[in-house]
Structure formats: structure tokens, C-alpha cells
Amino acid sequence: MNLPNSLTLLRILLVPFFVLFFSFPYFRTPEGSILLVLFFLAISLTDLVDGYLARKRSQVTLLGKFLDPVADKVLVISVLDLLVEEGRIPSWMAIIIISRDFIVTGFRLIASHEGIVISAESFGKYKMVFQIISICFLILIAEAQFYFYEIGITFLIVSIFLSLYFAGQYLIKYGVRMELIKAQ
């Protein structure tokens, strides 16, 4: 267990606290929603920090390669569920994102069984950035019309397109690689 892996575990452990805070009436106010966004951003930033530290300190581990995408999925899926429950996003958007994540995770498991470790790639980080931005805007509650919802939905739609496009690229790239390995 190293510092990057500890930060990844911390990200997972903070998600239930976010879910709990989301349910408090105070966080359904404009001021409270700002604090909730800041907490969400703090949790999300551990993703950048753990990856940076792992590479800088040469502490990239198999556990880290496994836990990092799991932590991302736990965070995003939990928050998407809350946003659907609150009626802030349509369920079909969450279903597409969650389904894509399950498909890619399943593919990773198959690849792992074949001896191929597939770690997160940079294009997945772009998707994650759009998801984080969209979630921040969708959490915010404004007394005046600031178009937070419209901005959030727009970023979420972009993240869905990126998710689907990059998942297709991902499956093609590694699917071909797995077939070549099997053929040998």
C-alpha cells in the first residue's frame, strides 16, 4: 500500500459521506450546494493527485490500475444516481454512462484473464473531466436563473458522446490486440 493507492481508497471511502451530505436539507440551498460542489471537487481531485504521484514516484501498481477506475466509477455512478433521484438528469443519460462503464470493466476483466492489463488511458480522463464539470453544474442550486442546469446537461451530453466514442475505440484497439495474442 503506497500513497497513491491510499488516495484512491480515500476517494472510495469519501463517496458515502458525499451521498449522506447530499441528503441533508442544508445542501439543497444555494449556499449548501456550493459546499457540496467543493466537496465533490475535493474527492475528484484525488484522482489527479494519485495518478500524478504514482507516475512521479514510480509507484504504479497492479492494485492501483485496478482501483483507480473502480474509484472513478463508484464516485460518478453514485452521484448520477442521486441526480436522477432528484430529477436533475433523465435516467437514460445515467443508464448510458453506467452501461458503458460496465461494458468497459467487463472487457478489462476478460483482457486480464488473457494476461493483458488495461490501465486507464488519457481519453478516459477527458471523458471524466466532462463528467466532473457537468456534475458540478448539476449539483448547484441557484436562486436566480444562471443556466447551471443547461450548462451541466450540455457537458453531460458531451461526456456521453465521448464515453461512447472512446469506448468503441478502446474495444477495437484492445479487442484486436487480444485476438492477435490468441492467434499466436
C-alpha atoms as a PDB file:
ATOM      1  CA  MET A   1       0.000   0.000   0.000  1.00  0.00           C
ATOM      2  CA  ASN A   2       1.519   3.278  -1.096  1.00  0.00           C
ATOM      3  CA  LEU A   3       0.324   6.908  -1.008  1.00  0.00           C
ATOM      4  CA  PRO A   4      -1.300   6.887  -4.476  1.00  0.00           C
ATOM      5  CA  ASN A   5      -3.273   3.727  -3.646  1.00  0.00           C
ATOM      6  CA  SER A   6      -4.222   5.197  -0.265  1.00  0.00           C
ATOM      7  CA  LEU A   7      -5.611   8.291  -2.014  1.00  0.00           C
ATOM      8  CA  THR A   8      -7.605   6.077  -4.353  1.00  0.00           C
ATOM      9  CA  LEU A   9      -9.064   4.200  -1.377  1.00  0.00           C
ATOM     10  CA  LEU A  10      -9.815   7.527   0.295  1.00  0.00           C
ATOM     11  CA  ARG A  11     -11.795   8.562  -2.800  1.00  0.00           C
ATOM     12  CA  ILE A  12     -13.915   5.425  -2.452  1.00  0.00           C
ATOM     13  CA  LEU A  13     -14.381   5.921   1.294  1.00  0.00           C
ATOM     14  CA  LEU A  14     -15.486   9.560   0.876  1.00  0.00           C
ATOM     15  CA  VAL A  15     -18.327   8.688  -1.513  1.00  0.00           C
ATOM     16  CA  PRO A  16     -20.756   7.549   1.235  1.00  0.00           C
ATOM     17  CA  PHE A  17     -20.140  10.842   3.060  1.00  0.00           C
ATOM     18  CA  PHE A  18     -20.973  12.754  -0.122  1.00  0.00           C
ATOM     19  CA  VAL A  19     -24.173  10.715  -0.506  1.00  0.00           C
ATOM     20  CA  LEU A  20     -25.076  11.418   3.127  1.00  0.00           C
ATOM     21  CA  PHE A  21     -24.400  15.158   2.826  1.00  0.00           C
ATOM     22  CA  PHE A  22     -26.437  15.289  -0.401  1.00  0.00           C
ATOM     23  CA  SER A  23     -29.486  14.167   1.595  1.00  0.00           C
ATOM     24  CA  PHE A  24     -29.255  16.960   4.181  1.00  0.00           C
ATOM     25  CA  PRO A  25     -31.718  19.847   3.591  1.00  0.00           C
ATOM     26  CA  TYR A  26     -28.960  22.446   4.015  1.00  0.00           C
ATOM     27  CA  PHE A  27     -27.186  21.160   0.901  1.00  0.00           C
ATOM     28  CA  ARG A  28     -30.350  21.789  -1.130  1.00  0.00           C
ATOM     29  CA  THR A  29     -29.844  25.533  -0.720  1.00  0.00           C
ATOM     30  CA  PRO A  30     -27.693  27.727  -2.984  1.00  0.00           C
ATOM     31  CA  GLU A  31     -25.011  28.117  -0.284  1.00  0.00           C
ATOM     32  CA  GLY A  32     -25.090  24.453   0.676  1.00  0.00           C
ATOM     33  CA  SER A  33     -24.891  23.316  -2.936  1.00  0.00           C
ATOM     34  CA  ILE A  34     -21.670  25.326  -3.356  1.00  0.00           C
ATOM     35  CA  LEU A  35     -20.155  23.472  -0.381  1.00  0.00           C
ATOM     36  CA  LEU A  36     -21.337  20.177  -1.860  1.00  0.00           C
ATOM     37  CA  VAL A  37     -19.658  21.020  -5.171  1.00  0.00           C
ATOM     38  CA  LEU A  38     -16.433  21.887  -3.358  1.00  0.00           C
ATOM     39  CA  PHE A  39     -16.539  18.559  -1.511  1.00  0.00           C
ATOM     40  CA  PHE A  40     -17.219  16.727  -4.786  1.00  0.00           C
ATOM     41  CA  LEU A  41     -14.276  18.534  -6.423  1.00  0.00           C
ATOM     42  CA  ALA A  42     -12.004  17.647  -3.493  1.00  0.00           C
ATOM     43  CA  ILE A  43     -12.951  13.977  -3.866  1.00  0.00           C
ATOM     44  CA  SER A  44     -12.470  14.175  -7.642  1.00  0.00           C
ATOM     45  CA  LEU A  45      -9.079  15.847  -7.357  1.00  0.00           C
ATOM     46  CA  THR A  46      -7.691  12.822  -5.530  1.00  0.00           C
ATOM     47  CA  ASP A  47      -7.866  11.132  -8.951  1.00  0.00           C
ATOM     48  CA  LEU A  48      -5.399  13.629 -10.404  1.00  0.00           C
ATOM     49  CA  VAL A  49      -3.153  13.554  -7.365  1.00  0.00           C
ATOM     50  CA  ASP A  50      -2.971   9.771  -7.045  1.00  0.00           C
ATOM     51  CA  GLY A  51      -2.137   9.341 -10.726  1.00  0.00           C
ATOM     52  CA  TYR A  52       0.464  12.086 -10.655  1.00  0.00           C
ATOM     53  CA  LEU A  53       2.142  10.681  -7.545  1.00  0.00           C
ATOM     54  CA  ALA A  54       2.095   7.118  -8.853  1.00  0.00           C
ATOM     55  CA  ARG A  55       3.891   8.146 -12.047  1.00  0.00           C
ATOM     56  CA  LYS A  56       6.270  10.644 -10.411  1.00  0.00           C
ATOM     57  CA  ARG A  57       7.330   8.224  -7.663  1.00  0.00           C
ATOM     58  CA  SER A  58       7.301   5.165  -9.946  1.00  0.00           C
ATOM     59  CA  GLN A  59       4.646   3.640  -7.705  1.00  0.00           C
ATOM     60  CA  VAL A  60       2.283   2.417 -10.410  1.00  0.00           C
ATOM     61  CA  THR A  61       0.924  -0.890  -9.129  1.00  0.00           C
ATOM     62  CA  LEU A  62      -1.469  -3.544 -10.352  1.00  0.00           C
ATOM     63  CA  LEU A  63      -3.716  -2.685  -7.401  1.00  0.00           C
ATOM     64  CA  GLY A  64      -3.680   0.968  -8.441  1.00  0.00           C
ATOM     65  CA  LYS A  65      -4.504   0.113 -12.047  1.00  0.00           C
ATOM     66  CA  PHE A  66      -7.490  -1.830 -10.771  1.00  0.00           C
ATOM     67  CA  LEU A  67      -8.660   0.524  -8.011  1.00  0.00           C
ATOM     68  CA  ASP A  68      -8.378   3.840  -9.873  1.00  0.00           C
ATOM     69  CA  PRO A  69     -11.091   3.162 -12.478  1.00  0.00           C
ATOM     70  CA  VAL A  70     -13.229   1.456  -9.811  1.00  0.00           C
ATOM     71  CA  ALA A  71     -12.995   4.548  -7.596  1.00  0.00           C
ATOM     72  CA  ASP A  72     -13.964   6.767 -10.534  1.00  0.00           C
ATOM     73  CA  LYS A  73     -16.971   4.593 -11.286  1.00  0.00           C
ATOM     74  CA  VAL A  74     -18.099   4.430  -7.638  1.00  0.00           C
ATOM     75  CA  LEU A  75     -17.993   8.226  -7.432  1.00  0.00           C
ATOM     76  CA  VAL A  76     -19.662   9.012 -10.761  1.00  0.00           C
ATOM     77  CA  ILE A  77     -22.324   6.289 -10.572  1.00  0.00           C
ATOM     78  CA  SER A  78     -23.250   7.303  -7.016  1.00  0.00           C
ATOM     79  CA  VAL A  79     -23.643  10.956  -7.938  1.00  0.00           C
ATOM     80  CA  LEU A  80     -25.526  10.171 -11.161  1.00  0.00           C
ATOM     81  CA  ASP A  81     -27.937   8.067  -9.121  1.00  0.00           C
ATOM     82  CA  LEU A  82     -28.505  10.990  -6.748  1.00  0.00           C
ATOM     83  CA  LEU A  83     -29.065  13.378  -9.662  1.00  0.00           C
ATOM     84  CA  VAL A  84     -31.599  11.007 -11.260  1.00  0.00           C
ATOM     85  CA  GLU A  85     -33.369  10.577  -7.923  1.00  0.00           C
ATOM     86  CA  GLU A  86     -33.588  14.368  -7.568  1.00  0.00           C
ATOM     87  CA  GLY A  87     -34.931  14.707 -11.124  1.00  0.00           C
ATOM     88  CA  ARG A  88     -31.943  16.781 -12.205  1.00  0.00           C
ATOM     89  CA  ILE A  89     -30.995  14.438 -15.066  1.00  0.00           C
ATOM     90  CA  PRO A  90     -33.035  11.961 -17.092  1.00  0.00           C
ATOM     91  CA  SER A  91     -32.409   8.329 -16.219  1.00  0.00           C
ATOM     92  CA  TRP A  92     -31.443   7.405 -19.799  1.00  0.00           C
ATOM     93  CA  MET A  93     -28.316   9.550 -19.512  1.00  0.00           C
ATOM     94  CA  ALA A  94     -27.198   7.765 -16.370  1.00  0.00           C
ATOM     95  CA  ILE A  95     -28.054   4.378 -17.905  1.00  0.00           C
ATOM     96  CA  ILE A  96     -25.840   5.052 -20.947  1.00  0.00           C
ATOM     97  CA  ILE A  97     -22.894   6.148 -18.802  1.00  0.00           C
ATOM     98  CA  ILE A  98     -23.262   3.274 -16.339  1.00  0.00           C
ATOM     99  CA  SER A  99     -23.766   0.682 -19.096  1.00  0.00           C
ATOM    100  CA  ARG A 100     -20.671   1.895 -20.898  1.00  0.00           C
ATOM    101  CA  ASP A 101     -18.674   1.628 -17.691  1.00  0.00           C
ATOM    102  CA  PHE A 102     -19.868  -1.935 -17.086  1.00  0.00           C
ATOM    103  CA  ILE A 103     -19.013  -2.938 -20.658  1.00  0.00           C
ATOM    104  CA  VAL A 104     -15.502  -1.489 -20.445  1.00  0.00           C
ATOM    105  CA  THR A 105     -14.958  -3.017 -16.986  1.00  0.00           C
ATOM    106  CA  GLY A 106     -16.132  -6.404 -18.257  1.00  0.00           C
ATOM    107  CA  PHE A 107     -13.787  -6.107 -21.203  1.00  0.00           C
ATOM    108  CA  ARG A 108     -10.938  -5.293 -18.809  1.00  0.00           C
ATOM    109  CA  LEU A 109     -11.729  -8.429 -16.818  1.00  0.00           C
ATOM    110  CA  ILE A 110     -11.652 -10.571 -19.954  1.00  0.00           C
ATOM    111  CA  ALA A 111      -8.363  -8.972 -21.002  1.00  0.00           C
ATOM    112  CA  SER A 112      -6.955  -9.586 -17.531  1.00  0.00           C
ATOM    113  CA  HIS A 113      -7.892 -13.241 -17.809  1.00  0.00           C
ATOM    114  CA  GLU A 114      -5.891 -13.312 -21.047  1.00  0.00           C
ATOM    115  CA  GLY A 115      -2.887 -11.767 -19.280  1.00  0.00           C
ATOM    116  CA  ILE A 116      -3.430  -8.244 -20.602  1.00  0.00           C
ATOM    117  CA  VAL A 117      -3.604  -5.408 -18.059  1.00  0.00           C
ATOM    118  CA  ILE A 118      -5.501  -2.449 -19.464  1.00  0.00           C
ATOM    119  CA  SER A 119      -4.998   0.695 -17.433  1.00  0.00           C
ATOM    120  CA  ALA A 120      -6.937   3.911 -17.906  1.00  0.00           C
ATOM    121  CA  GLU A 121      -5.879   5.905 -20.936  1.00  0.00           C
ATOM    122  CA  SER A 122      -5.802   9.648 -21.467  1.00  0.00           C
ATOM    123  CA  PHE A 123      -9.017   9.704 -23.498  1.00  0.00           C
ATOM    124  CA  GLY A 124     -10.838   8.258 -20.490  1.00  0.00           C
ATOM    125  CA  LYS A 125      -9.564  11.196 -18.468  1.00  0.00           C
ATOM    126  CA  TYR A 126     -11.152  13.651 -20.939  1.00  0.00           C
ATOM    127  CA  LYS A 127     -14.475  11.891 -20.502  1.00  0.00           C
ATOM    128  CA  MET A 128     -14.054  12.068 -16.730  1.00  0.00           C
ATOM    129  CA  VAL A 129     -13.288  15.803 -16.844  1.00  0.00           C
ATOM    130  CA  PHE A 130     -16.505  16.483 -18.779  1.00  0.00           C
ATOM    131  CA  GLN A 131     -18.450  14.314 -16.317  1.00  0.00           C
ATOM    132  CA  ILE A 132     -16.990  16.156 -13.331  1.00  0.00           C
ATOM    133  CA  ILE A 133     -17.755  19.572 -14.838  1.00  0.00           C
ATOM    134  CA  SER A 134     -21.299  18.517 -15.703  1.00  0.00           C
ATOM    135  CA  ILE A 135     -21.909  17.089 -12.235  1.00  0.00           C
ATOM    136  CA  CYS A 136     -20.661  20.288 -10.591  1.00  0.00           C
ATOM    137  CA  PHE A 137     -23.136  22.399 -12.552  1.00  0.00           C
ATOM    138  CA  LEU A 138     -25.948  19.916 -11.959  1.00  0.00           C
ATOM    139  CA  ILE A 139     -25.368  19.931  -8.185  1.00  0.00           C
ATOM    140  CA  LEU A 140     -25.500  23.727  -7.984  1.00  0.00           C
ATOM    141  CA  ILE A 141     -28.767  25.326  -6.980  1.00  0.00           C
ATOM    142  CA  ALA A 142     -29.265  28.988  -7.812  1.00  0.00           C
ATOM    143  CA  GLU A 143     -31.990  31.338  -6.649  1.00  0.00           C
ATOM    144  CA  ALA A 144     -31.622  33.327  -9.860  1.00  0.00           C
ATOM    145  CA  GLN A 145     -31.505  31.765 -13.317  1.00  0.00           C
ATOM    146  CA  PHE A 146     -27.801  31.207 -14.000  1.00  0.00           C
ATOM    147  CA  TYR A 147     -28.264  28.403 -16.544  1.00  0.00           C
ATOM    148  CA  PHE A 148     -26.369  25.939 -14.324  1.00  0.00           C
ATOM    149  CA  TYR A 149     -28.729  23.157 -15.363  1.00  0.00           C
ATOM    150  CA  GLU A 150     -28.364  23.835 -19.085  1.00  0.00           C
ATOM    151  CA  ILE A 151     -24.572  24.031 -18.822  1.00  0.00           C
ATOM    152  CA  GLY A 152     -24.484  20.823 -16.794  1.00  0.00           C
ATOM    153  CA  ILE A 153     -26.708  18.926 -19.224  1.00  0.00           C
ATOM    154  CA  THR A 154     -24.631  20.170 -22.179  1.00  0.00           C
ATOM    155  CA  PHE A 155     -21.403  18.941 -20.585  1.00  0.00           C
ATOM    156  CA  LEU A 156     -23.092  15.652 -19.685  1.00  0.00           C
ATOM    157  CA  ILE A 157     -24.213  15.135 -23.286  1.00  0.00           C
ATOM    158  CA  VAL A 158     -20.654  15.810 -24.477  1.00  0.00           C
ATOM    159  CA  SER A 159     -19.347  13.325 -21.909  1.00  0.00           C
ATOM    160  CA  ILE A 160     -21.833  10.710 -23.150  1.00  0.00           C
ATOM    161  CA  PHE A 161     -20.658  11.136 -26.739  1.00  0.00           C
ATOM    162  CA  LEU A 162     -17.019  10.994 -25.623  1.00  0.00           C
ATOM    163  CA  SER A 163     -17.782   7.925 -23.489  1.00  0.00           C
ATOM    164  CA  LEU A 164     -19.356   6.044 -26.362  1.00  0.00           C
ATOM    165  CA  TYR A 165     -16.756   7.091 -28.923  1.00  0.00           C
ATOM    166  CA  PHE A 166     -13.773   6.296 -26.729  1.00  0.00           C
ATOM    167  CA  ALA A 167     -15.330   3.024 -25.547  1.00  0.00           C
ATOM    168  CA  GLY A 168     -15.640   1.985 -29.187  1.00  0.00           C
ATOM    169  CA  GLN A 169     -12.026   2.949 -29.866  1.00  0.00           C
ATOM    170  CA  TYR A 170     -10.941   1.166 -26.711  1.00  0.00           C
ATOM    171  CA  LEU A 171     -12.755  -2.061 -27.574  1.00  0.00           C
ATOM    172  CA  ILE A 172     -11.411  -2.033 -31.121  1.00  0.00           C
ATOM    173  CA  LYS A 173      -7.829  -1.358 -30.029  1.00  0.00           C
ATOM    174  CA  TYR A 174      -7.675  -3.955 -27.278  1.00  0.00           C
ATOM    175  CA  GLY A 175     -10.063  -6.407 -28.937  1.00  0.00           C
ATOM    176  CA  VAL A 176      -7.739  -6.653 -31.921  1.00  0.00           C
ATOM    177  CA  ARG A 177      -4.765  -6.990 -29.573  1.00  0.00           C
ATOM    178  CA  MET A 178      -6.457  -9.811 -27.668  1.00  0.00           C
ATOM    179  CA  GLU A 179      -7.340 -11.619 -30.903  1.00  0.00           C
ATOM    180  CA  LEU A 180      -3.725 -11.354 -32.086  1.00  0.00           C
ATOM    181  CA  ILE A 181      -2.486 -12.814 -28.806  1.00  0.00           C
ATOM    182  CA  LYS A 182      -4.998 -15.675 -29.021  1.00  0.00           C
ATOM    183  CA  ALA A 183      -3.916 -16.396 -32.606  1.00  0.00           C
ATOM    184  CA  GLN A 184      -0.284 -16.892 -31.574  1.00  0.00           C
END
